[in-house]
Every structure is written in structure tokens, then in C-alpha cells.
Amino acid sequence: MQPIEIERLIKAGLAESEAYVEGDGTHFTALVICPAFAGKSRIQKQQMVYGTVREQLMDGTLHALSIKALTPEECQAIDNANEGDQTSWKN
């Protein structure tokens, strides 16, 4: 499975989301930014993301996915805290 495929699944399953996925074909890391995460716990946010790729996890197409799930406001706060840093945590 390719990172772009996982990004598409996440974006299709979570309206208005942004997804950035990296991985080696088996193990992946995803940064997902979505307004629907507002008021949710870290676990609830991760469950929402896992729900978008549940089929792939169950059939073994996707072996492992590490998730960082943020609201747009949380993302902005991190960006503001890292202002001036030449590295982008989204890349």
C-alpha cells in the first residue's frame, strides 16, 4: 500500500480533513488535521482515523499505522510555537 492511498482513504472518510502519510509500504505514520476532532479525546480522534482504514487493517493490506490527530486550532498552535523553524513538521 502506498502513502497516497492511505491519504485518500482518510480524506474520503473524514470530511474537511488534511492527511499527510509517510511509510515504507507496511508501517506508516499519519498526521491528520480535521475540524471534526474538536472536543474529542486523543483516543477518540485516533479511533475516527482508524475507522477510515479499518478494512485495510483487517485484511492485512495495511499492517501498522501510527496516528497524530489534531484539530486545525491545535495544528495552528504548534505552527505558531515553531515559527521561524526551517523544518516543517508536515513534510
N, C-alpha and C. Protein backbone atom coordinates (compact mmCIF):
# COMPACT_ATOMS: atom_id res chain seq x y z
N MET A 1 0.85 -1.17 0.00
CA MET A 1 0.00 0.00 0.00
C MET A 1 0.90 1.24 0.00
N GLN A 2 0.49 2.24 -0.71
CA GLN A 2 1.26 3.48 -0.83
C GLN A 2 0.67 4.57 0.07
N PRO A 3 1.50 5.48 0.57
CA PRO A 3 1.01 6.56 1.43
C PRO A 3 -0.14 7.35 0.81
N ILE A 4 -0.08 7.60 -0.49
CA ILE A 4 -1.13 8.39 -1.15
C ILE A 4 -2.48 7.68 -1.06
N GLU A 5 -2.48 6.36 -1.10
CA GLU A 5 -3.72 5.60 -0.98
C GLU A 5 -4.33 5.77 0.40
N ILE A 6 -3.50 5.75 1.41
CA ILE A 6 -3.98 5.92 2.79
C ILE A 6 -4.51 7.34 2.97
N GLU A 7 -3.80 8.32 2.43
CA GLU A 7 -4.28 9.71 2.49
C GLU A 7 -5.66 9.82 1.87
N ARG A 8 -5.87 9.19 0.72
CA ARG A 8 -7.18 9.26 0.05
C ARG A 8 -8.27 8.63 0.91
N LEU A 9 -7.98 7.49 1.52
CA LEU A 9 -8.97 6.82 2.38
C LEU A 9 -9.34 7.70 3.57
N ILE A 10 -8.35 8.30 4.19
CA ILE A 10 -8.60 9.15 5.35
C ILE A 10 -9.42 10.37 4.94
N LYS A 11 -9.02 11.03 3.86
CA LYS A 11 -9.75 12.22 3.40
C LYS A 11 -11.17 11.89 3.00
N ALA A 12 -11.38 10.72 2.40
CA ALA A 12 -12.73 10.31 2.00
C ALA A 12 -13.59 10.00 3.22
N GLY A 13 -12.99 9.49 4.28
CA GLY A 13 -13.74 9.10 5.46
C GLY A 13 -13.95 10.21 6.47
N LEU A 14 -13.13 11.25 6.41
CA LEU A 14 -13.24 12.37 7.34
C LEU A 14 -13.36 13.67 6.54
N ALA A 15 -14.56 14.16 6.44
CA ALA A 15 -14.82 15.38 5.67
C ALA A 15 -13.95 16.53 6.17
N GLU A 16 -13.47 17.33 5.25
CA GLU A 16 -12.67 18.53 5.53
C GLU A 16 -11.33 18.22 6.18
N SER A 17 -10.85 16.98 6.06
CA SER A 17 -9.58 16.64 6.70
C SER A 17 -8.40 16.85 5.75
N GLU A 18 -7.26 17.05 6.36
CA GLU A 18 -5.97 17.03 5.66
C GLU A 18 -5.23 15.83 6.21
N ALA A 19 -4.55 15.09 5.33
CA ALA A 19 -3.80 13.92 5.79
C ALA A 19 -2.43 13.93 5.14
N TYR A 20 -1.42 13.66 5.94
CA TYR A 20 -0.04 13.57 5.48
C TYR A 20 0.48 12.22 5.96
N VAL A 21 0.81 11.33 5.03
CA VAL A 21 1.20 9.97 5.39
C VAL A 21 2.58 9.66 4.83
N GLU A 22 3.39 9.02 5.67
CA GLU A 22 4.71 8.52 5.27
C GLU A 22 4.78 7.06 5.65
N GLY A 23 5.58 6.29 4.90
CA GLY A 23 5.74 4.90 5.29
C GLY A 23 6.58 4.12 4.31
N ASP A 24 6.83 2.87 4.68
CA ASP A 24 7.71 2.01 3.91
C ASP A 24 6.97 0.92 3.13
N GLY A 25 5.65 1.02 3.05
CA GLY A 25 4.87 0.01 2.36
C GLY A 25 4.15 -0.91 3.32
N THR A 26 4.60 -0.96 4.57
CA THR A 26 3.96 -1.81 5.59
C THR A 26 3.63 -1.01 6.84
N HIS A 27 4.57 -0.20 7.30
CA HIS A 27 4.40 0.61 8.50
C HIS A 27 4.30 2.08 8.09
N PHE A 28 3.27 2.75 8.60
CA PHE A 28 3.01 4.13 8.19
C PHE A 28 2.80 5.03 9.39
N THR A 29 3.05 6.32 9.17
CA THR A 29 2.77 7.37 10.14
C THR A 29 1.88 8.39 9.45
N ALA A 30 0.80 8.79 10.13
CA ALA A 30 -0.14 9.74 9.56
C ALA A 30 -0.32 10.93 10.48
N LEU A 31 -0.30 12.11 9.89
CA LEU A 31 -0.71 13.34 10.56
C LEU A 31 -2.05 13.70 9.92
N VAL A 32 -3.09 13.78 10.75
CA VAL A 32 -4.42 14.08 10.24
C VAL A 32 -4.94 15.31 10.97
N ILE A 33 -5.38 16.30 10.20
CA ILE A 33 -5.92 17.54 10.74
C ILE A 33 -7.37 17.63 10.30
N CYS A 34 -8.27 17.75 11.27
CA CYS A 34 -9.69 17.71 10.93
C CYS A 34 -10.52 18.48 11.96
N PRO A 35 -11.43 19.34 11.51
CA PRO A 35 -12.27 20.06 12.45
C PRO A 35 -13.20 19.15 13.26
N ALA A 36 -13.51 17.97 12.75
CA ALA A 36 -14.39 17.04 13.45
C ALA A 36 -13.75 16.49 14.73
N PHE A 37 -12.46 16.71 14.92
CA PHE A 37 -11.77 16.25 16.13
C PHE A 37 -12.03 17.15 17.33
N ALA A 38 -12.64 18.31 17.11
CA ALA A 38 -12.89 19.26 18.20
C ALA A 38 -13.69 18.59 19.31
N GLY A 39 -13.20 18.74 20.54
CA GLY A 39 -13.87 18.20 21.70
C GLY A 39 -13.66 16.71 21.94
N LYS A 40 -12.88 16.08 21.09
CA LYS A 40 -12.62 14.64 21.21
C LYS A 40 -11.31 14.39 21.96
N SER A 41 -11.25 13.26 22.65
CA SER A 41 -10.01 12.86 23.30
C SER A 41 -9.03 12.34 22.26
N ARG A 42 -7.78 12.18 22.65
CA ARG A 42 -6.76 11.65 21.74
C ARG A 42 -7.18 10.27 21.21
N ILE A 43 -7.70 9.45 22.09
CA ILE A 43 -8.14 8.10 21.70
C ILE A 43 -9.31 8.17 20.72
N GLN A 44 -10.27 9.03 20.99
CA GLN A 44 -11.42 9.18 20.09
C GLN A 44 -10.98 9.64 18.70
N LYS A 45 -10.04 10.58 18.66
CA LYS A 45 -9.53 11.06 17.37
C LYS A 45 -8.88 9.92 16.60
N GLN A 46 -8.04 9.14 17.29
CA GLN A 46 -7.37 8.01 16.64
C GLN A 46 -8.38 6.98 16.16
N GLN A 47 -9.40 6.71 16.94
CA GLN A 47 -10.43 5.77 16.53
C GLN A 47 -11.15 6.24 15.27
N MET A 48 -11.37 7.54 15.17
CA MET A 48 -12.01 8.09 13.97
C MET A 48 -11.14 7.83 12.73
N VAL A 49 -9.84 8.04 12.88
CA VAL A 49 -8.93 7.82 11.76
C VAL A 49 -8.86 6.33 11.43
N TYR A 50 -8.70 5.49 12.46
CA TYR A 50 -8.65 4.04 12.22
C TYR A 50 -9.90 3.56 11.51
N GLY A 51 -11.03 4.18 11.80
CA GLY A 51 -12.28 3.81 11.13
C GLY A 51 -12.23 3.98 9.62
N THR A 52 -11.41 4.90 9.15
CA THR A 52 -11.33 5.14 7.70
C THR A 52 -10.49 4.09 6.98
N VAL A 53 -9.67 3.36 7.72
CA VAL A 53 -8.79 2.34 7.12
C VAL A 53 -9.01 0.96 7.75
N ARG A 54 -10.13 0.79 8.42
CA ARG A 54 -10.42 -0.47 9.13
C ARG A 54 -10.35 -1.67 8.20
N GLU A 55 -10.94 -1.57 7.04
CA GLU A 55 -10.95 -2.70 6.09
C GLU A 55 -9.53 -3.12 5.71
N GLN A 56 -8.67 -2.14 5.45
CA GLN A 56 -7.29 -2.43 5.06
C GLN A 56 -6.50 -3.03 6.22
N LEU A 57 -6.79 -2.59 7.44
CA LEU A 57 -6.14 -3.17 8.61
C LEU A 57 -6.61 -4.62 8.83
N MET A 58 -7.90 -4.84 8.62
CA MET A 58 -8.45 -6.18 8.84
C MET A 58 -7.98 -7.19 7.81
N ASP A 59 -7.83 -6.76 6.56
CA ASP A 59 -7.42 -7.73 5.52
C ASP A 59 -5.90 -7.81 5.37
N GLY A 60 -5.16 -7.03 6.17
CA GLY A 60 -3.71 -7.10 6.16
C GLY A 60 -3.03 -6.26 5.11
N THR A 61 -3.79 -5.55 4.30
CA THR A 61 -3.21 -4.66 3.30
C THR A 61 -2.38 -3.58 3.98
N LEU A 62 -2.87 -3.12 5.12
CA LEU A 62 -2.20 -2.11 5.93
C LEU A 62 -1.84 -2.78 7.25
N HIS A 63 -0.56 -2.87 7.52
CA HIS A 63 -0.10 -3.60 8.71
C HIS A 63 -0.09 -2.73 9.96
N ALA A 64 0.48 -1.54 9.88
CA ALA A 64 0.62 -0.69 11.06
C ALA A 64 0.49 0.78 10.68
N LEU A 65 -0.26 1.51 11.50
CA LEU A 65 -0.45 2.94 11.26
C LEU A 65 -0.36 3.67 12.59
N SER A 66 0.61 4.57 12.68
CA SER A 66 0.76 5.45 13.83
C SER A 66 0.08 6.77 13.47
N ILE A 67 -0.71 7.30 14.39
CA ILE A 67 -1.53 8.46 14.07
C ILE A 67 -1.27 9.62 15.02
N LYS A 68 -1.13 10.81 14.44
CA LYS A 68 -1.17 12.06 15.20
C LYS A 68 -2.38 12.80 14.63
N ALA A 69 -3.38 13.02 15.46
CA ALA A 69 -4.64 13.63 15.02
C ALA A 69 -4.83 14.96 15.75
N LEU A 70 -5.02 16.00 14.97
CA LEU A 70 -5.13 17.36 15.53
C LEU A 70 -6.31 18.11 14.92
N THR A 71 -6.86 19.03 15.70
CA THR A 71 -7.82 19.97 15.14
C THR A 71 -7.01 21.04 14.40
N PRO A 72 -7.65 21.82 13.53
CA PRO A 72 -6.92 22.92 12.89
C PRO A 72 -6.33 23.90 13.90
N GLU A 73 -7.02 24.12 15.01
CA GLU A 73 -6.53 25.03 16.04
C GLU A 73 -5.29 24.47 16.73
N GLU A 74 -5.28 23.19 17.01
CA GLU A 74 -4.11 22.55 17.61
C GLU A 74 -2.92 22.63 16.66
N CYS A 75 -3.19 22.41 15.40
CA CYS A 75 -2.14 22.48 14.37
C CYS A 75 -1.57 23.89 14.30
N GLN A 76 -2.44 24.88 14.33
CA GLN A 76 -2.00 26.28 14.27
C GLN A 76 -1.16 26.63 15.49
N ALA A 77 -1.55 26.14 16.65
CA ALA A 77 -0.78 26.41 17.87
C ALA A 77 0.63 25.83 17.76
N ILE A 78 0.75 24.64 17.20
CA ILE A 78 2.07 24.03 17.01
C ILE A 78 2.87 24.84 16.00
N ASP A 79 2.22 25.22 14.90
CA ASP A 79 2.90 26.03 13.90
C ASP A 79 3.40 27.35 14.49
N ASN A 80 2.56 27.98 15.31
CA ASN A 80 2.95 29.25 15.95
C ASN A 80 4.12 29.04 16.90
N ALA A 81 4.11 27.95 17.63
CA ALA A 81 5.19 27.66 18.57
C ALA A 81 6.49 27.39 17.84
N ASN A 82 6.40 26.85 16.63
CA ASN A 82 7.58 26.53 15.83
C ASN A 82 7.92 27.61 14.81
N GLU A 83 7.30 28.76 14.92
CA GLU A 83 7.53 29.85 13.96
C GLU A 83 9.02 30.17 13.89
N GLY A 84 9.51 30.26 12.68
CA GLY A 84 10.92 30.54 12.47
C GLY A 84 11.75 29.29 12.31
N ASP A 85 11.20 28.15 12.68
CA ASP A 85 11.90 26.87 12.49
C ASP A 85 11.87 26.54 10.99
N GLN A 86 13.00 26.24 10.42
CA GLN A 86 13.09 25.99 8.98
C GLN A 86 12.54 24.64 8.56
N THR A 87 12.30 23.75 9.50
CA THR A 87 11.76 22.44 9.14
C THR A 87 10.26 22.44 9.35
N SER A 88 9.54 21.83 8.45
CA SER A 88 8.10 21.75 8.58
C SER A 88 7.75 20.37 9.09
N TRP A 89 6.97 20.30 10.15
CA TRP A 89 6.59 19.02 10.72
C TRP A 89 5.54 18.33 9.88
N LYS A 90 4.98 19.00 8.87
CA LYS A 90 4.01 18.38 7.98
C LYS A 90 4.71 17.68 6.80
N ASN A 91 5.96 17.98 6.58
CA ASN A 91 6.68 17.39 5.43
C ASN A 91 7.45 16.16 5.85
